[in-house]
Amino acid sequence: MRVGIFWASEFSPYSPNNLDTDYVGGMHFRGVDLVFIPALARWKFLERGKPAPAINDVPALRNRAAGMAIWLSQQFGQVPGITITDHQLGELRVREYRPEHMRVVDLASPAIFHIHGGGMIMSTVEAYDQRCSAYAKATGFPVYSVDYRLAPEHPYPAAIDDCFHAFQWLVDNAESLNIDPHKIALLGNSAGSGLAAALALRLRDTSSIQPKCQVLIYPMLDHQTITVKPGWEKTWLYWSFQDNQTAWSAYFSGLPTETEPPIYAVPALASDLSGLPDTYICVGTADIFLDEDLEFAQRLQAAGVHTVVEVIEGAPHNFDYLAAHCPQSRKSWRSRFNYLVTHL
């Protein structure tokens, strides 16, 4: 098996021939492609006059995210034709996004198990309504998103435990939901895809039912990405090394400081990646997770896991939501939609 790495400025093997295939990349400013600059400038405008969140200031990071949420939702746009239903699992909630036009009608449908981002310290399933609806509408598969508990109020292992229990609920209720438990994809972005990778490891080690594939969008995998690396000093970052330190510190607040975190907390620490599902990874070159994501992909490949990596030249963290309608983002969205359809 090999890692298939392709750049968004090139033809994507999962994209139709007529979808932005003529884009060859553009000018950069501080490491970011100019097409993403207006969105980052808007973010800076909304944050004008506010000091950058200090290390371990979780409320400040949450307030910063809330300041962008309304604008990001408006520029992404609404997705019609989706029925949203909440399922209550005791105190845990799973939100279902069922498309009006299902791809599979007469048989049990494949499904997508989604885990939202937010550094494991912020965000909700509601903040991902449009994006989960987009996945459901484009693939024709129902999406189930888990509203897991957040750190530091609920440190590790609360989030991964919630994800595990929600996945087991999905499998146990497959018949009543009319889904195929053997055709479930794990999906997440940022911390959500880090949790998805951790969930895949835990399911491999403990469960008889395995996900069919995992789609990891700029995954947060390694707790050691907390200091500025050489060459990144002037890069315009949406999610900074300092932000990452705050998030990991909050998530680890319930663990002994002198011991190495478990692999179900930090997937990058797993020494054995064999037996994991086919994997799709997407990351931008202006994202602090670039190195850890490419290294994880290479290790997956070495372990015999079929892995595809999409590298977006000049794209910052959260690029596909910051500038959802630019050529690179549209191509990336279409690539992951088609990957899910072809692998489920």
C-alpha atoms as a PDB file:
ATOM      1  CA  MET A   1       0.000   0.000   0.000  1.00  0.00           C
ATOM      2  CA  ARG A   2       1.144   3.548  -0.614  1.00  0.00           C
ATOM      3  CA  VAL A   3       0.202   6.965   0.646  1.00  0.00           C
ATOM      4  CA  GLY A   4      -1.463   8.780  -2.235  1.00  0.00           C
ATOM      5  CA  ILE A   5      -0.571  12.434  -1.717  1.00  0.00           C
ATOM      6  CA  PHE A   6      -2.065  15.023  -4.047  1.00  0.00           C
ATOM      7  CA  TRP A   7      -2.120  18.805  -3.938  1.00  0.00           C
ATOM      8  CA  ALA A   8      -5.332  20.782  -4.284  1.00  0.00           C
ATOM      9  CA  SER A   9      -3.763  22.785  -7.103  1.00  0.00           C
ATOM     10  CA  GLU A  10      -3.650  19.560  -9.105  1.00  0.00           C
ATOM     11  CA  PHE A  11      -6.409  17.336 -10.428  1.00  0.00           C
ATOM     12  CA  SER A  12      -7.969  15.406  -7.584  1.00  0.00           C
ATOM     13  CA  PRO A  13      -8.542  11.699  -8.262  1.00  0.00           C
ATOM     14  CA  TYR A  14     -11.926  11.993  -6.545  1.00  0.00           C
ATOM     15  CA  SER A  15     -13.134  15.173  -8.278  1.00  0.00           C
ATOM     16  CA  PRO A  16     -15.020  15.505 -11.548  1.00  0.00           C
ATOM     17  CA  ASN A  17     -12.896  16.735 -14.434  1.00  0.00           C
ATOM     18  CA  ASN A  18     -14.796  20.004 -14.662  1.00  0.00           C
ATOM     19  CA  LEU A  19     -14.366  21.078 -11.027  1.00  0.00           C
ATOM     20  CA  ASP A  20     -11.751  23.837 -10.763  1.00  0.00           C
ATOM     21  CA  THR A  21      -9.048  21.698 -12.309  1.00  0.00           C
ATOM     22  CA  ASP A  22      -7.430  24.721 -13.931  1.00  0.00           C
ATOM     23  CA  TYR A  23      -6.456  26.320 -10.621  1.00  0.00           C
ATOM     24  CA  VAL A  24      -2.672  26.157 -10.172  1.00  0.00           C
ATOM     25  CA  GLY A  25      -2.167  28.098  -6.966  1.00  0.00           C
ATOM     26  CA  GLY A  26      -1.766  31.815  -6.326  1.00  0.00           C
ATOM     27  CA  MET A  27       0.280  34.451  -4.558  1.00  0.00           C
ATOM     28  CA  HIS A  28       1.003  34.058  -0.861  1.00  0.00           C
ATOM     29  CA  PHE A  29       1.101  36.506   2.037  1.00  0.00           C
ATOM     30  CA  ARG A  30       2.744  35.352   5.264  1.00  0.00           C
ATOM     31  CA  GLY A  31       2.472  31.742   4.120  1.00  0.00           C
ATOM     32  CA  VAL A  32      -1.226  31.960   3.234  1.00  0.00           C
ATOM     33  CA  ASP A  33      -2.673  31.876  -0.273  1.00  0.00           C
ATOM     34  CA  LEU A  34      -4.271  35.241  -1.082  1.00  0.00           C
ATOM     35  CA  VAL A  35      -7.640  33.584  -1.651  1.00  0.00           C
ATOM     36  CA  PHE A  36      -7.882  32.974   2.121  1.00  0.00           C
ATOM     37  CA  ILE A  37      -6.711  36.458   3.191  1.00  0.00           C
ATOM     38  CA  PRO A  38     -10.155  38.171   3.144  1.00  0.00           C
ATOM     39  CA  ALA A  39     -11.539  35.609   5.588  1.00  0.00           C
ATOM     40  CA  LEU A  40      -8.547  35.941   7.902  1.00  0.00           C
ATOM     41  CA  ALA A  41      -8.778  39.735   7.650  1.00  0.00           C
ATOM     42  CA  ARG A  42     -12.441  39.540   8.640  1.00  0.00           C
ATOM     43  CA  TRP A  43     -11.455  37.444  11.644  1.00  0.00           C
ATOM     44  CA  LYS A  44      -8.830  40.017  12.634  1.00  0.00           C
ATOM     45  CA  PHE A  45     -11.379  42.802  12.170  1.00  0.00           C
ATOM     46  CA  LEU A  46     -13.831  41.097  14.511  1.00  0.00           C
ATOM     47  CA  GLU A  47     -11.040  40.644  17.052  1.00  0.00           C
ATOM     48  CA  ARG A  48      -9.716  44.223  16.788  1.00  0.00           C
ATOM     49  CA  GLY A  49      -8.839  45.800  20.116  1.00  0.00           C
ATOM     50  CA  LYS A  50      -8.888  42.471  21.952  1.00  0.00           C
ATOM     51  CA  PRO A  51      -5.663  40.970  23.336  1.00  0.00           C
ATOM     52  CA  ALA A  52      -4.683  37.541  22.101  1.00  0.00           C
ATOM     53  CA  PRO A  53      -5.869  34.818  24.498  1.00  0.00           C
ATOM     54  CA  ALA A  54      -3.198  34.021  27.065  1.00  0.00           C
ATOM     55  CA  ILE A  55      -1.958  30.473  27.535  1.00  0.00           C
ATOM     56  CA  ASN A  56      -4.546  28.377  29.397  1.00  0.00           C
ATOM     57  CA  ASP A  57      -7.223  31.061  29.025  1.00  0.00           C
ATOM     58  CA  VAL A  58      -9.980  28.771  27.767  1.00  0.00           C
ATOM     59  CA  PRO A  59     -12.805  31.321  28.217  1.00  0.00           C
ATOM     60  CA  ALA A  60     -10.946  33.781  25.971  1.00  0.00           C
ATOM     61  CA  LEU A  61     -10.587  31.143  23.227  1.00  0.00           C
ATOM     62  CA  ARG A  62     -14.284  30.309  23.526  1.00  0.00           C
ATOM     63  CA  ASN A  63     -15.219  33.991  23.257  1.00  0.00           C
ATOM     64  CA  ARG A  64     -13.023  34.394  20.180  1.00  0.00           C
ATOM     65  CA  ALA A  65     -14.713  31.447  18.484  1.00  0.00           C
ATOM     66  CA  ALA A  66     -18.168  32.765  19.361  1.00  0.00           C
ATOM     67  CA  GLY A  67     -17.274  36.081  17.744  1.00  0.00           C
ATOM     68  CA  MET A  68     -16.697  34.373  14.400  1.00  0.00           C
ATOM     69  CA  ALA A  69     -19.546  31.866  14.547  1.00  0.00           C
ATOM     70  CA  ILE A  70     -22.367  34.033  13.177  1.00  0.00           C
ATOM     71  CA  TRP A  71     -20.343  35.388  10.253  1.00  0.00           C
ATOM     72  CA  LEU A  72     -18.982  31.952   9.337  1.00  0.00           C
ATOM     73  CA  SER A  73     -22.482  30.487   9.407  1.00  0.00           C
ATOM     74  CA  GLN A  74     -23.810  33.234   7.160  1.00  0.00           C
ATOM     75  CA  GLN A  75     -21.067  32.948   4.565  1.00  0.00           C
ATOM     76  CA  PHE A  76     -21.313  29.127   4.443  1.00  0.00           C
ATOM     77  CA  GLY A  77     -25.040  29.225   3.673  1.00  0.00           C
ATOM     78  CA  GLN A  78     -27.993  27.009   4.543  1.00  0.00           C
ATOM     79  CA  VAL A  79     -28.338  23.421   3.306  1.00  0.00           C
ATOM     80  CA  PRO A  80     -31.935  22.463   2.446  1.00  0.00           C
ATOM     81  CA  GLY A  81     -33.414  18.978   2.265  1.00  0.00           C
ATOM     82  CA  ILE A  82     -32.117  17.706   5.615  1.00  0.00           C
ATOM     83  CA  THR A  83     -34.177  16.453   8.573  1.00  0.00           C
ATOM     84  CA  ILE A  84     -32.434  17.011  11.916  1.00  0.00           C
ATOM     85  CA  THR A  85     -33.337  14.786  14.872  1.00  0.00           C
ATOM     86  CA  ASP A  86     -31.776  14.628  18.344  1.00  0.00           C
ATOM     87  CA  HIS A  87     -31.331  11.280  20.075  1.00  0.00           C
ATOM     88  CA  GLN A  88     -30.847  11.413  23.840  1.00  0.00           C
ATOM     89  CA  LEU A  89     -28.588   8.721  25.338  1.00  0.00           C
ATOM     90  CA  GLY A  90     -29.016   9.561  29.002  1.00  0.00           C
ATOM     91  CA  GLU A  91     -26.989  12.764  29.382  1.00  0.00           C
ATOM     92  CA  LEU A  92     -25.272  12.222  26.027  1.00  0.00           C
ATOM     93  CA  ARG A  93     -26.827  13.591  22.846  1.00  0.00           C
ATOM     94  CA  VAL A  94     -26.395  12.473  19.238  1.00  0.00           C
ATOM     95  CA  ARG A  95     -27.772  14.631  16.431  1.00  0.00           C
ATOM     96  CA  GLU A  96     -28.912  12.943  13.219  1.00  0.00           C
ATOM     97  CA  TYR A  97     -28.876  14.623   9.800  1.00  0.00           C
ATOM     98  CA  ARG A  98     -30.951  12.573   7.366  1.00  0.00           C
ATOM     99  CA  PRO A  99     -31.049  13.674   3.726  1.00  0.00           C
ATOM    100  CA  GLU A 100     -34.349  13.906   1.900  1.00  0.00           C
ATOM    101  CA  HIS A 101     -32.827  11.988  -0.992  1.00  0.00           C
ATOM    102  CA  MET A 102     -31.037   8.917   0.387  1.00  0.00           C
ATOM    103  CA  ARG A 103     -28.461   7.241  -1.828  1.00  0.00           C
ATOM    104  CA  VAL A 104     -29.518   3.780  -0.588  1.00  0.00           C
ATOM    105  CA  VAL A 105     -33.295   3.312  -0.375  1.00  0.00           C
ATOM    106  CA  ASP A 106     -34.230  -0.374  -0.334  1.00  0.00           C
ATOM    107  CA  LEU A 107     -31.345  -1.561   1.870  1.00  0.00           C
ATOM    108  CA  ALA A 108     -29.722  -0.475   5.104  1.00  0.00           C
ATOM    109  CA  SER A 109     -27.755   2.690   4.388  1.00  0.00           C
ATOM    110  CA  PRO A 110     -24.107   3.448   5.101  1.00  0.00           C
ATOM    111  CA  ALA A 111     -23.710   6.136   7.760  1.00  0.00           C
ATOM    112  CA  ILE A 112     -21.250   8.808   8.819  1.00  0.00           C
ATOM    113  CA  PHE A 113     -20.273   9.195  12.476  1.00  0.00           C
ATOM    114  CA  HIS A 114     -19.165  12.803  12.984  1.00  0.00           C
ATOM    115  CA  ILE A 115     -17.127  14.372  15.789  1.00  0.00           C
ATOM    116  CA  HIS A 116     -16.975  18.161  15.891  1.00  0.00           C
ATOM    117  CA  GLY A 117     -13.822  20.230  16.292  1.00  0.00           C
ATOM    118  CA  GLY A 118     -12.966  22.946  18.789  1.00  0.00           C
ATOM    119  CA  GLY A 119      -9.752  21.853  20.480  1.00  0.00           C
ATOM    120  CA  MET A 120     -11.760  19.539  22.772  1.00  0.00           C
ATOM    121  CA  ILE A 121     -12.511  22.704  24.765  1.00  0.00           C
ATOM    122  CA  MET A 122     -15.273  24.421  22.779  1.00  0.00           C
ATOM    123  CA  SER A 123     -17.999  24.202  20.120  1.00  0.00           C
ATOM    124  CA  THR A 124     -21.182  22.117  19.869  1.00  0.00           C
ATOM    125  CA  VAL A 125     -23.052  19.971  17.385  1.00  0.00           C
ATOM    126  CA  GLU A 126     -25.229  22.999  16.573  1.00  0.00           C
ATOM    127  CA  ALA A 127     -22.162  24.879  15.335  1.00  0.00           C
ATOM    128  CA  TYR A 128     -21.692  22.104  12.773  1.00  0.00           C
ATOM    129  CA  ASP A 129     -25.301  21.874  11.580  1.00  0.00           C
ATOM    130  CA  GLN A 130     -24.514  23.298   8.143  1.00  0.00           C
ATOM    131  CA  ARG A 131     -21.365  21.255   7.614  1.00  0.00           C
ATOM    132  CA  CYS A 132     -22.972  17.986   8.727  1.00  0.00           C
ATOM    133  CA  SER A 133     -25.975  18.797   6.547  1.00  0.00           C
ATOM    134  CA  ALA A 134     -23.607  19.353   3.625  1.00  0.00           C
ATOM    135  CA  TYR A 135     -22.051  15.917   4.138  1.00  0.00           C
ATOM    136  CA  ALA A 136     -25.481  14.284   4.359  1.00  0.00           C
ATOM    137  CA  LYS A 137     -26.850  16.043   1.271  1.00  0.00           C
ATOM    138  CA  ALA A 138     -23.770  15.474  -0.897  1.00  0.00           C
ATOM    139  CA  THR A 139     -23.286  11.799  -0.001  1.00  0.00           C
ATOM    140  CA  GLY A 140     -26.901  10.747   0.465  1.00  0.00           C
ATOM    141  CA  PHE A 141     -25.937   9.089   3.785  1.00  0.00           C
ATOM    142  CA  PRO A 142     -27.247  10.011   7.255  1.00  0.00           C
ATOM    143  CA  VAL A 143     -24.773  11.753   9.537  1.00  0.00           C
ATOM    144  CA  TYR A 144     -24.703  11.248  13.308  1.00  0.00           C
ATOM    145  CA  SER A 145     -22.817  13.859  15.342  1.00  0.00           C
ATOM    146  CA  VAL A 146     -21.966  13.370  19.006  1.00  0.00           C
ATOM    147  CA  ASP A 147     -22.207  16.265  21.478  1.00  0.00           C
ATOM    148  CA  TYR A 148     -19.322  15.131  23.649  1.00  0.00           C
ATOM    149  CA  ARG A 149     -18.271  16.704  26.945  1.00  0.00           C
ATOM    150  CA  LEU A 150     -15.595  19.416  26.817  1.00  0.00           C
ATOM    151  CA  ALA A 151     -12.411  20.068  28.786  1.00  0.00           C
ATOM    152  CA  PRO A 152     -11.322  21.469  31.168  1.00  0.00           C
ATOM    153  CA  GLU A 153     -14.664  20.906  32.905  1.00  0.00           C
ATOM    154  CA  HIS A 154     -14.523  17.301  31.684  1.00  0.00           C
ATOM    155  CA  PRO A 155     -10.907  16.308  30.912  1.00  0.00           C
ATOM    156  CA  TYR A 156      -9.687  13.079  29.314  1.00  0.00           C
ATOM    157  CA  PRO A 157     -11.175  10.489  29.034  1.00  0.00           C
ATOM    158  CA  ALA A 158     -14.622  12.153  28.973  1.00  0.00           C
ATOM    159  CA  ALA A 159     -14.611  13.131  25.282  1.00  0.00           C
ATOM    160  CA  ILE A 160     -13.323   9.832  23.903  1.00  0.00           C
ATOM    161  CA  ASP A 161     -15.624   7.892  26.259  1.00  0.00           C
ATOM    162  CA  ASP A 162     -18.606   9.845  24.916  1.00  0.00           C
ATOM    163  CA  CYS A 163     -17.522   9.197  21.324  1.00  0.00           C
ATOM    164  CA  PHE A 164     -17.078   5.492  22.030  1.00  0.00           C
ATOM    165  CA  HIS A 165     -20.476   5.157  23.701  1.00  0.00           C
ATOM    166  CA  ALA A 166     -22.205   7.100  20.928  1.00  0.00           C
ATOM    167  CA  PHE A 167     -20.604   4.884  18.276  1.00  0.00           C
ATOM    168  CA  GLN A 168     -21.695   1.768  20.162  1.00  0.00           C
ATOM    169  CA  TRP A 169     -25.227   3.185  20.381  1.00  0.00           C
ATOM    170  CA  LEU A 170     -25.205   3.693  16.613  1.00  0.00           C
ATOM    171  CA  VAL A 171     -24.116   0.090  16.054  1.00  0.00           C
ATOM    172  CA  ASP A 172     -26.574  -1.323  18.590  1.00  0.00           C
ATOM    173  CA  ASN A 173     -29.473   0.608  17.030  1.00  0.00           C
ATOM    174  CA  ALA A 174     -28.486   0.061  13.417  1.00  0.00           C
ATOM    175  CA  GLU A 175     -31.604  -1.929  12.582  1.00  0.00           C
ATOM    176  CA  SER A 176     -34.070   0.646  13.915  1.00  0.00           C
ATOM    177  CA  LEU A 177     -32.105   3.443  12.228  1.00  0.00           C
ATOM    178  CA  ASN A 178     -31.952   1.421   8.995  1.00  0.00           C
ATOM    179  CA  ILE A 179     -28.185   1.724   8.671  1.00  0.00           C
ATOM    180  CA  ASP A 180     -25.509  -0.875   7.969  1.00  0.00           C
ATOM    181  CA  PRO A 181     -23.228  -1.197  11.046  1.00  0.00           C
ATOM    182  CA  HIS A 182     -20.436  -2.512   8.834  1.00  0.00           C
ATOM    183  CA  LYS A 183     -20.495   0.606   6.660  1.00  0.00           C
ATOM    184  CA  ILE A 184     -19.871   3.460   9.068  1.00  0.00           C
ATOM    185  CA  ALA A 185     -17.286   6.159   8.360  1.00  0.00           C
ATOM    186  CA  LEU A 186     -15.587   8.167  11.091  1.00  0.00           C
ATOM    187  CA  LEU A 187     -15.426  11.873  10.258  1.00  0.00           C
ATOM    188  CA  GLY A 188     -14.095  14.922  12.046  1.00  0.00           C
ATOM    189  CA  ASN A 189     -12.130  18.095  11.683  1.00  0.00           C
ATOM    190  CA  SER A 190      -9.310  19.412  13.864  1.00  0.00           C
ATOM    191  CA  ALA A 191      -9.796  18.063  17.405  1.00  0.00           C
ATOM    192  CA  GLY A 192     -12.796  16.137  16.120  1.00  0.00           C
ATOM    193  CA  SER A 193     -10.628  14.201  13.699  1.00  0.00           C
ATOM    194  CA  GLY A 194      -8.058  13.688  16.437  1.00  0.00           C
ATOM    195  CA  LEU A 195     -10.834  12.114  18.491  1.00  0.00           C
ATOM    196  CA  ALA A 196     -11.902  10.113  15.430  1.00  0.00           C
ATOM    197  CA  ALA A 197      -8.370   8.742  15.085  1.00  0.00           C
ATOM    198  CA  ALA A 198      -8.338   7.900  18.791  1.00  0.00           C
ATOM    199  CA  LEU A 199     -11.742   6.234  18.455  1.00  0.00           C
ATOM    200  CA  ALA A 200     -10.490   4.127  15.552  1.00  0.00           C
ATOM    201  CA  LEU A 201      -7.626   2.907  17.740  1.00  0.00           C
ATOM    202  CA  ARG A 202      -9.936   2.113  20.657  1.00  0.00           C
ATOM    203  CA  LEU A 203     -12.436   0.309  18.421  1.00  0.00           C
ATOM    204  CA  ARG A 204      -9.635  -1.708  16.835  1.00  0.00           C
ATOM    205  CA  ASP A 205      -8.493  -2.821  20.288  1.00  0.00           C
ATOM    206  CA  THR A 206     -11.864  -3.433  21.953  1.00  0.00           C
ATOM    207  CA  SER A 207     -14.733  -3.841  19.487  1.00  0.00           C
ATOM    208  CA  SER A 208     -15.897  -6.492  17.035  1.00  0.00           C
ATOM    209  CA  ILE A 209     -17.467  -3.819  14.796  1.00  0.00           C
ATOM    210  CA  GLN A 210     -14.955  -1.633  12.973  1.00  0.00           C
ATOM    211  CA  PRO A 211     -15.471   1.578  10.982  1.00  0.00           C
ATOM    212  CA  LYS A 212     -15.210   1.188   7.214  1.00  0.00           C
ATOM    213  CA  CYS A 213     -12.996   4.253   6.794  1.00  0.00           C
ATOM    214  CA  GLN A 214     -11.968   7.455   8.543  1.00  0.00           C
ATOM    215  CA  VAL A 215     -11.915  10.958   7.070  1.00  0.00           C
ATOM    216  CA  LEU A 216      -9.624  13.214   9.082  1.00  0.00           C
ATOM    217  CA  ILE A 217      -9.713  16.920   8.200  1.00  0.00           C
ATOM    218  CA  TYR A 218      -6.581  18.720   9.488  1.00  0.00           C
ATOM    219  CA  PRO A 219      -6.480  16.384  12.502  1.00  0.00           C
ATOM    220  CA  MET A 220      -5.103  17.414  15.891  1.00  0.00           C
ATOM    221  CA  LEU A 221      -3.004  14.356  16.731  1.00  0.00           C
ATOM    222  CA  ASP A 222       0.132  15.302  18.682  1.00  0.00           C
ATOM    223  CA  HIS A 223       0.296  17.110  22.024  1.00  0.00           C
ATOM    224  CA  GLN A 224       3.886  18.149  21.330  1.00  0.00           C
ATOM    225  CA  THR A 225       2.904  20.731  18.692  1.00  0.00           C
ATOM    226  CA  ILE A 226       2.952  23.601  21.186  1.00  0.00           C
ATOM    227  CA  THR A 227       6.076  25.635  20.379  1.00  0.00           C
ATOM    228  CA  VAL A 228       6.681  27.716  17.271  1.00  0.00           C
ATOM    229  CA  LYS A 229       8.735  25.762  14.738  1.00  0.00           C
ATOM    230  CA  PRO A 230      11.507  27.326  12.644  1.00  0.00           C
ATOM    231  CA  GLY A 231      10.042  28.914   9.546  1.00  0.00           C
ATOM    232  CA  TRP A 232       6.597  29.422  11.103  1.00  0.00           C
ATOM    233  CA  GLU A 233       7.348  32.686  12.926  1.00  0.00           C
ATOM    234  CA  LYS A 234       5.654  34.906  10.319  1.00  0.00           C
ATOM    235  CA  THR A 235       2.931  32.544   9.119  1.00  0.00           C
ATOM    236  CA  TRP A 236      -0.556  33.962   9.573  1.00  0.00           C
ATOM    237  CA  LEU A 237      -2.147  31.309  11.801  1.00  0.00           C
ATOM    238  CA  TYR A 238      -5.827  30.815  12.511  1.00  0.00           C
ATOM    239  CA  TRP A 239      -5.036  28.235  15.226  1.00  0.00           C
ATOM    240  CA  SER A 240      -1.695  28.986  16.867  1.00  0.00           C
ATOM    241  CA  PHE A 241       0.850  26.923  18.740  1.00  0.00           C
ATOM    242  CA  GLN A 242      -0.220  28.778  21.905  1.00  0.00           C
ATOM    243  CA  ASP A 243      -3.883  27.933  21.267  1.00  0.00           C
ATOM    244  CA  ASN A 244      -2.856  24.301  20.853  1.00  0.00           C
ATOM    245  CA  GLN A 245      -0.970  24.341  24.151  1.00  0.00           C
ATOM    246  CA  THR A 246      -4.053  25.694  25.917  1.00  0.00           C
ATOM    247  CA  ALA A 247      -6.273  23.005  24.417  1.00  0.00           C
ATOM    248  CA  TRP A 248      -4.004  20.066  25.204  1.00  0.00           C
ATOM    249  CA  SER A 249      -3.344  21.353  28.744  1.00  0.00           C
ATOM    250  CA  ALA A 250      -7.081  21.535  29.398  1.00  0.00           C
ATOM    251  CA  TYR A 251      -7.651  18.049  27.987  1.00  0.00           C
ATOM    252  CA  PHE A 252      -4.856  16.596  30.122  1.00  0.00           C
ATOM    253  CA  SER A 253      -5.874  18.379  33.326  1.00  0.00           C
ATOM    254  CA  GLY A 254      -7.063  15.110  34.841  1.00  0.00           C
ATOM    255  CA  LEU A 255      -3.888  13.138  34.022  1.00  0.00           C
ATOM    256  CA  PRO A 256      -0.706  12.828  36.092  1.00  0.00           C
ATOM    257  CA  THR A 257       1.847  15.279  34.722  1.00  0.00           C
ATOM    258  CA  GLU A 258       4.800  12.908  35.027  1.00  0.00           C
ATOM    259  CA  THR A 259       3.396  10.142  32.822  1.00  0.00           C
ATOM    260  CA  GLU A 260       3.045   9.920  29.059  1.00  0.00           C
ATOM    261  CA  PRO A 261      -0.565  10.322  27.887  1.00  0.00           C
ATOM    262  CA  PRO A 262      -2.331   7.173  26.630  1.00  0.00           C
ATOM    263  CA  ILE A 263      -2.729   6.593  22.884  1.00  0.00           C
ATOM    264  CA  TYR A 264      -6.500   7.067  23.147  1.00  0.00           C
ATOM    265  CA  ALA A 265      -5.694  10.651  24.218  1.00  0.00           C
ATOM    266  CA  VAL A 266      -2.870  11.258  21.724  1.00  0.00           C
ATOM    267  CA  PRO A 267      -3.133   9.119  18.573  1.00  0.00           C
ATOM    268  CA  ALA A 268       0.336  10.189  17.422  1.00  0.00           C
ATOM    269  CA  LEU A 269       1.806   8.205  20.340  1.00  0.00           C
ATOM    270  CA  ALA A 270       0.400   4.889  19.095  1.00  0.00           C
ATOM    271  CA  SER A 271       3.311   2.662  18.102  1.00  0.00           C
ATOM    272  CA  ASP A 272       1.102   0.208  16.195  1.00  0.00           C
ATOM    273  CA  LEU A 273      -1.215   1.621  13.535  1.00  0.00           C
ATOM    274  CA  SER A 274      -1.936  -1.679  11.821  1.00  0.00           C
ATOM    275  CA  GLY A 275      -5.524  -2.818  11.472  1.00  0.00           C
ATOM    276  CA  LEU A 276      -6.939   0.703  11.200  1.00  0.00           C
ATOM    277  CA  PRO A 277      -9.514   1.551   8.515  1.00  0.00           C
ATOM    278  CA  ASP A 278      -8.741   3.173   5.162  1.00  0.00           C
ATOM    279  CA  THR A 279      -7.874   6.796   5.853  1.00  0.00           C
ATOM    280  CA  TYR A 280      -8.271  10.147   4.120  1.00  0.00           C
ATOM    281  CA  ILE A 281      -6.341  13.097   5.563  1.00  0.00           C
ATOM    282  CA  CYS A 282      -6.636  16.724   4.460  1.00  0.00           C
ATOM    283  CA  VAL A 283      -4.384  19.536   5.718  1.00  0.00           C
ATOM    284  CA  GLY A 284      -3.118  22.923   4.531  1.00  0.00           C
ATOM    285  CA  THR A 285       0.482  24.106   4.337  1.00  0.00           C
ATOM    286  CA  ALA A 286      -0.324  27.097   6.588  1.00  0.00           C
ATOM    287  CA  ASP A 287      -1.687  24.829   9.334  1.00  0.00           C
ATOM    288  CA  ILE A 288       0.455  23.988  12.366  1.00  0.00           C
ATOM    289  CA  PHE A 289      -0.779  20.378  12.094  1.00  0.00           C
ATOM    290  CA  LEU A 290       0.869  19.871   8.683  1.00  0.00           C
ATOM    291  CA  ASP A 291       3.948  17.986   9.920  1.00  0.00           C
ATOM    292  CA  GLU A 292       2.160  15.763  12.422  1.00  0.00           C
ATOM    293  CA  ASP A 293      -0.548  14.903   9.886  1.00  0.00           C
ATOM    294  CA  LEU A 294       1.932  13.951   7.145  1.00  0.00           C
ATOM    295  CA  GLU A 295       3.979  11.905   9.596  1.00  0.00           C
ATOM    296  CA  PHE A 296       0.838  10.086  10.785  1.00  0.00           C
ATOM    297  CA  ALA A 297      -0.096   9.353   7.176  1.00  0.00           C
ATOM    298  CA  GLN A 298       3.331   7.931   6.444  1.00  0.00           C
ATOM    299  CA  ARG A 299       3.147   5.725   9.528  1.00  0.00           C
ATOM    300  CA  LEU A 300      -0.302   4.506   8.529  1.00  0.00           C
ATOM    301  CA  GLN A 301       1.057   3.574   5.115  1.00  0.00           C
ATOM    302  CA  ALA A 302       4.007   1.755   6.686  1.00  0.00           C
ATOM    303  CA  ALA A 303       1.510  -0.221   8.782  1.00  0.00           C
ATOM    304  CA  GLY A 304      -0.339  -1.339   5.642  1.00  0.00           C
ATOM    305  CA  VAL A 305      -3.282   1.051   5.913  1.00  0.00           C
ATOM    306  CA  HIS A 306      -4.490   2.452   2.587  1.00  0.00           C
ATOM    307  CA  THR A 307      -4.068   6.204   3.028  1.00  0.00           C
ATOM    308  CA  VAL A 308      -4.820   9.227   0.866  1.00  0.00           C
ATOM    309  CA  VAL A 309      -3.566  12.677   1.800  1.00  0.00           C
ATOM    310  CA  GLU A 310      -4.793  15.959   0.328  1.00  0.00           C
ATOM    311  CA  VAL A 311      -2.413  18.881   0.900  1.00  0.00           C
ATOM    312  CA  ILE A 312      -3.867  22.342   0.294  1.00  0.00           C
ATOM    313  CA  GLU A 313      -1.182  24.829  -0.716  1.00  0.00           C
ATOM    314  CA  GLY A 314      -1.351  28.018   1.355  1.00  0.00           C
ATOM    315  CA  ALA A 315      -4.425  26.939   3.315  1.00  0.00           C
ATOM    316  CA  PRO A 316      -4.752  27.862   7.019  1.00  0.00           C
ATOM    317  CA  HIS A 317      -6.483  25.820   9.678  1.00  0.00           C
ATOM    318  CA  ASN A 318     -10.274  25.723   9.182  1.00  0.00           C
ATOM    319  CA  PHE A 319      -9.826  26.913   5.582  1.00  0.00           C
ATOM    320  CA  ASP A 320     -12.852  24.973   4.312  1.00  0.00           C
ATOM    321  CA  TYR A 321     -15.185  26.897   6.617  1.00  0.00           C
ATOM    322  CA  LEU A 322     -13.367  30.247   6.595  1.00  0.00           C
ATOM    323  CA  ALA A 323     -13.531  30.412   2.802  1.00  0.00           C
ATOM    324  CA  ALA A 324     -15.895  27.582   1.916  1.00  0.00           C
ATOM    325  CA  HIS A 325     -16.639  28.743  -1.610  1.00  0.00           C
ATOM    326  CA  CYS A 326     -13.145  29.423  -2.962  1.00  0.00           C
ATOM    327  CA  PRO A 327     -11.783  26.979  -5.590  1.00  0.00           C
ATOM    328  CA  GLN A 328      -9.468  25.121  -3.196  1.00  0.00           C
ATOM    329  CA  SER A 329     -12.183  24.651  -0.584  1.00  0.00           C
ATOM    330  CA  ARG A 330     -14.793  23.531  -3.098  1.00  0.00           C
ATOM    331  CA  LYS A 331     -12.378  21.013  -4.534  1.00  0.00           C
ATOM    332  CA  SER A 332     -11.505  19.708  -1.079  1.00  0.00           C
ATOM    333  CA  TRP A 333     -15.179  19.396  -0.107  1.00  0.00           C
ATOM    334  CA  ARG A 334     -15.911  17.485  -3.306  1.00  0.00           C
ATOM    335  CA  SER A 335     -12.899  15.214  -2.782  1.00  0.00           C
ATOM    336  CA  ARG A 336     -14.004  14.124   0.671  1.00  0.00           C
ATOM    337  CA  PHE A 337     -17.644  13.732  -0.424  1.00  0.00           C
ATOM    338  CA  ASN A 338     -16.556  11.415  -3.228  1.00  0.00           C
ATOM    339  CA  TYR A 339     -14.139   9.549  -0.974  1.00  0.00           C
ATOM    340  CA  LEU A 340     -16.981   8.777   1.435  1.00  0.00           C
ATOM    341  CA  VAL A 341     -19.285   7.637  -1.354  1.00  0.00           C
ATOM    342  CA  THR A 342     -16.680   5.386  -2.977  1.00  0.00           C
ATOM    343  CA  HIS A 343     -15.507   3.877   0.323  1.00  0.00           C
ATOM    344  CA  LEU A 344     -18.936   3.226   1.823  1.00  0.00           C
END
